[in-house]
């Protein structure tokens, strides 16, 4: 295969909307007939063909298609059909699953020697897609199977991604209803030696909830980027929200800062998001001292709490739309059903857990539409490689 560095340079020089064409041109000399790129939609239910209008009949399901098999397993998957060999390859950047690249070859093509180069090419393409999204709507449009509400558009633009993987941890998150979310949100940032994770729930609905959450998230980011510790991040965001709303609106937040080397965690619990920990087969709720939500009163002082995570721990974060959802019999999902769902998904990777839990939630709720946003974040803690080796 032509040198990957050469193809990467061609991708960087290409117009943002021509990345797939560049890949196709580079692969033709290796016998590839054509390529297509599909992006995972916001609900993670379909893979949407890049270049087609939202709602066009060009999608394939994630859970019942060759492309979905490559996406779910994060491994190449080849199918010989209709006189061609279709090779489906996951496009993933630092653990964030973007979509699937499909290369069509002659039916008797030998792909074994191509796979290492194709995997590198998909990674390079994923990086360039993230850069290109600053300048074109092409890939953003391909993420949606239907139109977003304005509130959902604002919330999705806030998110750092849907998953992230490092040697020390792997995490993933999902929001429902994906196309009409209101105030639930999450954020994360990895820096030298620490992971900061926030799970937020802004009160209200629609645009008002989206505006409130945007203010709180950006205030928390501003404080984090100023180098402030978690308690001071919460205090600064509290002041920003109170200054704007004077106590008429507030934001619940669970803010955690993980030391990547030791597993020590500093936490500030300011509202409704909750945390469960699975260690082995034991699932327990991790409780904190409840503190006031952001913006409820002026000059609130926040006090951090500390706990530790161990290699092999799985942490699950849920908004009140998850744990407070009730069954037809009146049982809250967080009482016992959530622990059962966690045990039942123990062997799944974190990228699959949020959706699996939300499917269990829908069954628990009786199959009807949820009455509130539902947000699930799953974090698997691997620990520092040097610490694990010892």
Protein backbone atom coordinates (compact mmCIF):
# COMPACT_ATOMS: atom_id res chain seq x y z
CA UNK A 1 0.00 0.00 0.00
CA UNK A 2 1.13 3.53 -0.75
CA UNK A 3 2.89 5.03 2.26
CA UNK A 4 0.36 5.96 4.93
CA UNK A 5 2.21 9.21 5.58
CA UNK A 6 1.65 10.17 1.95
CA UNK A 7 -2.08 9.47 2.19
CA UNK A 8 -2.29 11.40 5.47
CA UNK A 9 -0.72 14.41 3.76
CA UNK A 10 -3.26 14.15 0.94
CA UNK A 11 -6.08 14.06 3.51
CA UNK A 12 -4.73 17.17 5.24
CA UNK A 13 -4.51 19.06 1.94
CA UNK A 14 -7.98 18.00 0.77
CA UNK A 15 -11.09 20.15 1.01
CA UNK A 16 -13.04 19.10 4.14
CA UNK A 17 -15.89 17.58 2.12
CA UNK A 18 -13.58 15.49 -0.12
CA UNK A 19 -11.96 13.18 2.43
CA UNK A 20 -13.77 10.05 1.19
CA UNK A 21 -12.73 10.83 -2.39
CA UNK A 22 -9.09 11.10 -1.32
CA UNK A 23 -9.27 7.70 0.38
CA UNK A 24 -10.94 6.16 -2.67
CA UNK A 25 -8.28 7.58 -5.01
CA UNK A 26 -5.49 6.25 -2.80
CA UNK A 27 -6.99 2.74 -2.64
CA UNK A 28 -7.76 2.33 -6.33
CA UNK A 29 -4.15 1.44 -7.07
CA UNK A 30 -4.60 -1.52 -4.69
CA UNK A 31 -7.60 -2.89 -6.55
CA UNK A 32 -10.35 -1.23 -4.50
CA UNK A 33 -13.36 -0.51 -6.74
CA UNK A 34 -15.03 2.07 -4.54
CA UNK A 35 -15.43 3.12 -0.91
CA UNK A 36 -18.22 4.52 1.21
CA UNK A 37 -18.25 6.03 4.67
CA UNK A 38 -21.05 5.70 7.18
CA UNK A 39 -21.33 7.65 10.44
CA UNK A 40 -23.09 6.40 13.57
CA UNK A 41 -26.22 8.43 14.29
CA UNK A 42 -26.81 10.17 17.61
CA UNK A 43 -28.98 7.35 18.93
CA UNK A 44 -26.35 4.73 17.95
CA UNK A 45 -29.04 2.76 16.14
CA UNK A 46 -28.10 3.32 12.50
CA UNK A 47 -25.07 3.97 10.31
CA UNK A 48 -25.76 6.86 7.95
CA UNK A 49 -24.16 7.19 4.52
CA UNK A 50 -22.03 10.33 4.23
CA UNK A 51 -23.31 12.59 1.47
CA UNK A 52 -27.00 11.68 1.76
CA UNK A 53 -29.60 14.00 3.22
CA UNK A 54 -30.94 13.26 6.73
CA UNK A 55 -33.82 10.81 6.56
CA UNK A 56 -32.84 9.50 3.12
CA UNK A 57 -33.24 5.74 2.72
CA UNK A 58 -29.50 5.03 2.90
CA UNK A 59 -28.98 3.90 6.50
CA UNK A 60 -28.22 0.44 7.82
CA UNK A 61 -28.93 -0.76 11.37
CA UNK A 62 -26.10 -1.01 13.87
CA UNK A 63 -27.39 -4.26 15.35
CA UNK A 64 -28.27 -6.22 12.22
CA UNK A 65 -25.91 -5.44 9.35
CA UNK A 66 -22.35 -6.30 8.22
CA UNK A 67 -21.33 -2.68 8.79
CA UNK A 68 -22.83 -2.79 12.26
CA UNK A 69 -20.89 -5.94 13.05
CA UNK A 70 -17.62 -4.17 12.27
CA UNK A 71 -18.76 -1.14 14.26
CA UNK A 72 -19.84 -3.13 17.31
CA UNK A 73 -16.88 -5.52 17.44
CA UNK A 74 -14.40 -2.84 16.39
CA UNK A 75 -12.81 -5.32 14.00
CA UNK A 76 -12.73 -5.64 10.19
CA UNK A 77 -15.51 -7.76 8.73
CA UNK A 78 -15.51 -9.08 5.15
CA UNK A 79 -18.54 -10.24 3.15
CA UNK A 80 -18.54 -11.68 -0.39
CA UNK A 81 -21.80 -10.82 -2.11
CA UNK A 82 -23.15 -9.65 -5.46
CA UNK A 83 -19.89 -10.39 -7.23
CA UNK A 84 -17.71 -8.21 -4.97
CA UNK A 85 -15.86 -8.47 -1.68
CA UNK A 86 -17.00 -5.83 0.79
CA UNK A 87 -14.55 -5.10 3.58
CA UNK A 88 -16.06 -3.14 6.49
CA UNK A 89 -13.59 -1.33 8.75
CA UNK A 90 -14.30 0.63 11.96
CA UNK A 91 -13.38 4.31 12.00
CA UNK A 92 -12.46 5.14 15.58
CA UNK A 93 -10.39 7.91 17.19
CA UNK A 94 -8.98 7.39 20.70
CA UNK A 95 -11.83 5.10 21.63
CA UNK A 96 -14.58 7.28 20.13
CA UNK A 97 -16.46 5.19 17.54
CA UNK A 98 -17.31 7.44 14.59
CA UNK A 99 -18.49 5.02 11.93
CA UNK A 100 -17.47 2.45 9.32
CA UNK A 101 -15.50 2.65 6.07
CA UNK A 102 -16.51 0.06 3.44
CA UNK A 103 -14.10 -0.87 0.65
CA UNK A 104 -15.35 -2.90 -2.32
CA UNK A 105 -12.85 -5.23 -4.02
CA UNK A 106 -12.96 -7.97 -6.66
CA UNK A 107 -14.46 -11.17 -5.17
CA UNK A 108 -11.16 -13.09 -5.14
CA UNK A 109 -9.04 -10.26 -3.75
CA UNK A 110 -6.55 -11.14 -1.02
CA UNK A 111 -7.07 -8.64 1.80
CA UNK A 112 -4.74 -10.02 4.47
CA UNK A 113 -1.78 -7.92 3.40
CA UNK A 114 -3.96 -4.80 3.13
CA UNK A 115 -5.50 -4.91 6.62
CA UNK A 116 -2.68 -3.29 8.66
CA UNK A 117 -2.46 -0.37 6.24
CA UNK A 118 -6.23 -0.02 6.05
CA UNK A 119 -6.50 0.12 9.85
CA UNK A 120 -3.98 2.97 9.92
CA UNK A 121 -5.81 4.69 7.10
CA UNK A 122 -9.12 4.53 8.98
CA UNK A 123 -7.52 6.04 12.05
CA UNK A 124 -6.05 8.87 9.95
CA UNK A 125 -9.43 9.42 8.30
CA UNK A 126 -11.12 9.63 11.70
CA UNK A 127 -8.71 12.31 12.89
CA UNK A 128 -9.26 14.33 9.71
CA UNK A 129 -13.04 14.05 10.05
CA UNK A 130 -12.87 15.63 13.50
CA UNK A 131 -10.78 18.49 12.10
CA UNK A 132 -12.99 18.86 9.00
CA UNK A 133 -16.14 19.23 11.13
CA UNK A 134 -14.97 22.75 11.99
CA UNK A 135 -15.44 23.77 8.35
CA UNK A 136 -18.22 21.60 6.90
CA UNK A 137 -21.58 20.20 8.00
CA UNK A 138 -21.18 17.09 5.83
CA UNK A 139 -20.17 14.68 8.60
CA UNK A 140 -22.42 16.27 11.24
CA UNK A 141 -25.41 15.82 8.93
CA UNK A 142 -24.49 12.17 8.48
CA UNK A 143 -24.76 11.65 12.24
CA UNK A 144 -28.50 12.31 12.31
CA UNK A 145 -31.25 9.98 11.18
CA UNK A 146 -33.88 12.68 11.70
CA UNK A 147 -33.97 16.33 12.59
CA UNK A 148 -32.72 17.42 16.01
CA UNK A 149 -34.69 19.79 18.19
CA UNK A 150 -32.84 23.07 18.74
CA UNK A 151 -32.30 22.15 22.40
CA UNK A 152 -30.74 18.82 21.39
CA UNK A 153 -28.55 20.56 18.80
CA UNK A 154 -27.19 22.85 21.52
CA UNK A 155 -26.59 19.96 23.92
CA UNK A 156 -24.81 17.70 21.40
CA UNK A 157 -22.47 20.54 20.43
CA UNK A 158 -21.33 20.68 24.07
CA UNK A 159 -20.28 17.03 24.31
CA UNK A 160 -16.63 15.93 24.11
CA UNK A 161 -17.53 12.68 22.29
CA UNK A 162 -19.36 9.47 23.09
CA UNK A 163 -16.41 7.42 24.30
CA UNK A 164 -12.76 7.73 25.20
CA UNK A 165 -10.05 5.15 25.90
CA UNK A 166 -6.64 5.40 27.54
CA UNK A 167 -4.37 2.78 29.12
CA UNK A 168 -5.71 3.77 32.55
CA UNK A 169 -9.43 3.75 31.75
CA UNK A 170 -12.17 3.41 29.15
CA UNK A 171 -15.41 5.34 29.30
CA UNK A 172 -18.55 5.85 27.25
CA UNK A 173 -21.82 7.74 27.58
CA UNK A 174 -25.24 7.92 25.98
CA UNK A 175 -28.21 10.28 26.12
CA UNK A 176 -31.87 9.51 25.45
CA UNK A 177 -34.05 10.64 23.84
CA UNK A 178 -31.14 11.41 21.52
CA UNK A 179 -32.99 13.79 19.21
CA UNK A 180 -34.88 15.79 21.84
CA UNK A 181 -32.68 16.01 24.94
CA UNK A 182 -33.13 18.92 27.34
CA UNK A 183 -30.87 19.49 30.33
CA UNK A 184 -28.79 16.34 30.87
CA UNK A 185 -25.17 16.48 29.81
CA UNK A 186 -21.69 15.13 30.49
CA UNK A 187 -18.16 16.36 29.99
CA UNK A 188 -14.66 14.98 30.40
CA UNK A 189 -11.10 16.10 29.97
CA UNK A 190 -7.84 14.15 30.23
CA UNK A 191 -4.68 16.02 31.10
CA UNK A 192 -1.26 15.04 32.37
CA UNK A 193 -2.01 12.74 35.26
CA UNK A 194 -5.75 13.27 35.74
CA UNK A 195 -9.20 12.70 34.34
CA UNK A 196 -11.96 15.19 35.13
CA UNK A 197 -15.51 13.96 34.62
CA UNK A 198 -18.76 15.86 35.14
CA UNK A 199 -22.36 14.66 34.88
CA UNK A 200 -24.91 17.47 34.87
CA UNK A 201 -28.69 17.93 34.91
CA UNK A 202 -30.10 21.38 34.24
CA UNK A 203 -33.63 22.04 35.44
CA UNK A 204 -36.46 22.78 33.04
CA UNK A 205 -37.15 21.81 29.46
CA UNK A 206 -36.36 22.85 25.91
CA UNK A 207 -34.29 25.91 25.11
CA UNK A 208 -34.31 27.21 28.68
CA UNK A 209 -32.75 23.96 29.94
CA UNK A 210 -30.22 23.93 27.09
CA UNK A 211 -29.17 27.55 27.76
CA UNK A 212 -28.82 26.84 31.48
CA UNK A 213 -26.71 23.74 30.90
CA UNK A 214 -24.53 25.55 28.33
CA UNK A 215 -23.76 28.24 30.89
CA UNK A 216 -22.91 25.73 33.62
CA UNK A 217 -20.73 23.50 31.42
CA UNK A 218 -18.74 26.41 30.05
CA UNK A 219 -18.31 27.89 33.52
CA UNK A 220 -16.98 24.54 34.78
CA UNK A 221 -14.61 24.33 31.79
CA UNK A 222 -13.41 27.88 32.37
CA UNK A 223 -12.60 27.07 35.99
CA UNK A 224 -10.95 23.75 35.11
CA UNK A 225 -8.79 25.37 32.45
CA UNK A 226 -7.73 27.98 35.00
CA UNK A 227 -6.24 25.12 37.03
CA UNK A 228 -8.72 25.27 39.90
CA UNK A 229 -9.48 22.18 42.03
CA UNK A 230 -12.95 20.55 41.80
CA UNK A 231 -14.50 22.38 44.74
CA UNK A 232 -13.44 25.75 43.32
CA UNK A 233 -14.66 24.72 39.86
CA UNK A 234 -18.08 24.09 41.36
CA UNK A 235 -17.99 27.39 43.27
CA UNK A 236 -17.11 29.41 40.17
CA UNK A 237 -19.84 27.74 38.12
CA UNK A 238 -22.28 28.29 41.00
CA UNK A 239 -21.52 32.02 40.93
CA UNK A 240 -21.95 32.19 37.16
CA UNK A 241 -25.35 30.48 37.23
CA UNK A 242 -26.57 32.51 40.21
CA UNK A 243 -25.45 35.79 38.61
CA UNK A 244 -27.56 35.00 35.55
CA UNK A 245 -30.66 33.48 37.15
CA UNK A 246 -30.59 34.78 40.75
CA UNK A 247 -31.79 31.43 42.12
CA UNK A 248 -34.70 30.98 39.68
CA UNK A 249 -32.87 28.11 37.94
CA UNK A 250 -30.12 25.74 39.01
CA UNK A 251 -27.98 22.86 37.73
CA UNK A 252 -27.28 19.56 39.47
CA UNK A 253 -23.76 18.25 38.96
CA UNK A 254 -21.55 15.38 40.06
CA UNK A 255 -17.93 16.41 39.50
CA UNK A 256 -15.03 13.97 39.87
CA UNK A 257 -11.29 14.25 39.37
CA UNK A 258 -9.33 10.97 39.04
CA UNK A 259 -5.61 10.67 39.68
CA UNK A 260 -4.49 8.39 36.85
CA UNK A 261 -1.46 7.11 38.75
CA UNK A 262 -3.08 6.24 42.09
CA UNK A 263 -6.83 5.87 41.48
CA UNK A 264 -7.58 8.50 44.13
CA UNK A 265 -10.75 10.45 43.33
CA UNK A 266 -11.82 13.89 44.49
CA UNK A 267 -15.59 14.36 44.19
CA UNK A 268 -18.12 17.16 44.59
CA UNK A 269 -21.79 16.09 44.70
CA UNK A 270 -24.00 19.09 43.98
CA UNK A 271 -27.34 17.61 43.06
CA UNK A 272 -29.09 14.68 41.46
CA UNK A 273 -26.65 12.61 39.28
CA UNK A 274 -25.64 9.42 41.12
CA UNK A 275 -22.85 6.86 41.03
CA UNK A 276 -22.80 3.05 41.32
CA UNK A 277 -19.67 0.92 41.58
CA UNK A 278 -19.29 -2.70 40.49
CA UNK A 279 -16.36 -4.49 42.08
CA UNK A 280 -16.38 -8.15 41.11
CA UNK A 281 -20.02 -9.22 41.37
CA UNK A 282 -20.85 -6.67 44.06
CA UNK A 283 -22.77 -3.57 43.00
CA UNK A 284 -23.18 -0.71 45.45
CA UNK A 285 -24.33 2.87 45.35
CA UNK A 286 -21.53 5.29 46.18
CA UNK A 287 -23.06 7.97 48.35
CA UNK A 288 -21.74 11.45 49.01
CA UNK A 289 -22.76 14.28 51.28
CA UNK A 290 -25.40 16.14 49.30
CA UNK A 291 -24.52 19.75 48.58
CA UNK A 292 -26.55 22.50 46.94
CA UNK A 293 -26.98 22.50 43.16
CA UNK A 294 -25.15 25.18 41.20
CA UNK A 295 -26.90 28.56 41.20
CA UNK A 296 -29.43 27.91 43.94
CA UNK A 297 -27.93 30.44 46.38
CA UNK A 298 -25.22 33.06 46.25
CA UNK A 299 -21.62 32.20 47.25
CA UNK A 300 -22.18 28.54 48.09
CA UNK A 301 -19.07 26.85 49.51
CA UNK A 302 -18.40 23.33 48.21
CA UNK A 303 -16.45 20.69 50.11
CA UNK A 304 -14.71 17.85 48.24
CA UNK A 305 -14.92 14.21 49.29
CA UNK A 306 -12.47 11.44 48.45
CA UNK A 307 -12.57 7.76 47.59
CA UNK A 308 -10.45 5.31 45.59
CA UNK A 309 -10.96 3.11 42.57
CA UNK A 310 -9.13 -0.14 41.92
CA UNK A 311 -8.16 -1.86 38.67
CA UNK A 312 -11.19 -3.83 37.50
CA UNK A 313 -13.76 -1.44 39.00
CA UNK A 314 -16.67 -0.38 36.82
CA UNK A 315 -18.40 2.90 37.66
CA UNK A 316 -21.85 3.77 36.35
CA UNK A 317 -23.25 7.30 36.50
CA UNK A 318 -26.93 7.98 35.95
CA UNK A 319 -29.19 11.01 35.86
CA UNK A 320 -32.49 11.10 37.74
CA UNK A 321 -34.21 10.18 34.48
CA UNK A 322 -32.55 6.78 34.90
CA UNK A 323 -32.63 5.82 38.57
CA UNK A 324 -35.93 7.56 39.37
CA UNK A 325 -37.89 6.05 36.42
CA UNK A 326 -40.62 3.83 37.81
CA UNK A 327 -42.06 0.53 36.63
CA UNK A 328 -45.82 0.04 36.20
CA UNK A 329 -45.71 -1.47 39.72
CA UNK A 330 -44.15 1.70 41.10
CA UNK A 331 -40.56 0.43 41.67
CA UNK A 332 -37.79 2.91 40.91
CA UNK A 333 -35.19 1.62 38.46
CA UNK A 334 -32.39 2.55 40.85
CA UNK A 335 -33.74 0.41 43.67
CA UNK A 336 -32.77 -3.04 42.35
CA UNK A 337 -33.15 -3.21 38.55
CA UNK A 338 -30.11 -1.04 37.85
CA UNK A 339 -27.85 -3.33 39.87
CA UNK A 340 -29.21 -6.33 37.96
CA UNK A 341 -28.54 -4.54 34.66
CA UNK A 342 -24.96 -3.80 35.73
CA UNK A 343 -24.28 -7.43 36.62
CA UNK A 344 -25.88 -8.56 33.38
CA UNK A 345 -23.65 -6.30 31.28
CA UNK A 346 -20.41 -7.06 33.13
CA UNK A 347 -18.78 -8.77 30.13
CA UNK A 348 -19.67 -5.97 27.69
CA UNK A 349 -17.11 -3.25 26.93
CA UNK A 350 -17.97 0.23 28.26
CA UNK A 351 -19.02 1.41 24.79
CA UNK A 352 -21.93 -1.05 24.86
CA UNK A 353 -23.03 -0.59 28.48
CA UNK A 354 -24.92 2.76 28.42
CA UNK A 355 -27.26 1.63 25.65
CA UNK A 356 -27.71 -1.80 27.23
CA UNK A 357 -28.70 -0.20 30.53
CA UNK A 358 -31.08 2.18 28.76
CA UNK A 359 -32.72 -0.76 26.95
CA UNK A 360 -33.24 -2.44 30.34
CA UNK A 361 -34.63 0.85 31.62
CA UNK A 362 -37.16 0.95 28.78
CA UNK A 363 -38.34 -2.58 29.66
CA UNK A 364 -38.54 -1.64 33.36
CA UNK A 365 -40.55 1.45 32.46
CA UNK A 366 -43.08 -0.64 30.59
CA UNK A 367 -41.91 0.01 27.03
CA UNK A 368 -43.44 3.49 26.74
CA UNK A 369 -41.53 6.76 26.20
CA UNK A 370 -39.44 8.00 29.10
CA UNK A 371 -40.78 10.99 30.98
CA UNK A 372 -37.36 12.65 31.39
CA UNK A 373 -33.90 12.76 29.85
CA UNK A 374 -31.92 9.62 30.60
CA UNK A 375 -28.13 9.83 30.76
CA UNK A 376 -25.77 6.93 31.47
CA UNK A 377 -21.97 7.12 31.70
CA UNK A 378 -19.85 3.98 32.17
CA UNK A 379 -16.21 4.08 33.28
CA UNK A 380 -13.94 1.03 33.50
CA UNK A 381 -10.85 1.65 35.60
CA UNK A 382 -7.71 -0.21 34.49
CA UNK A 383 -5.22 1.69 36.63
CA UNK A 384 -1.77 2.97 35.80
CA UNK A 385 0.16 0.41 33.70
CA UNK A 386 3.16 0.72 36.03
CA UNK A 387 0.97 0.20 39.10
CA UNK A 388 -0.79 -2.82 37.57
CA UNK A 389 2.56 -4.36 36.63
CA UNK A 390 3.72 -4.13 40.22
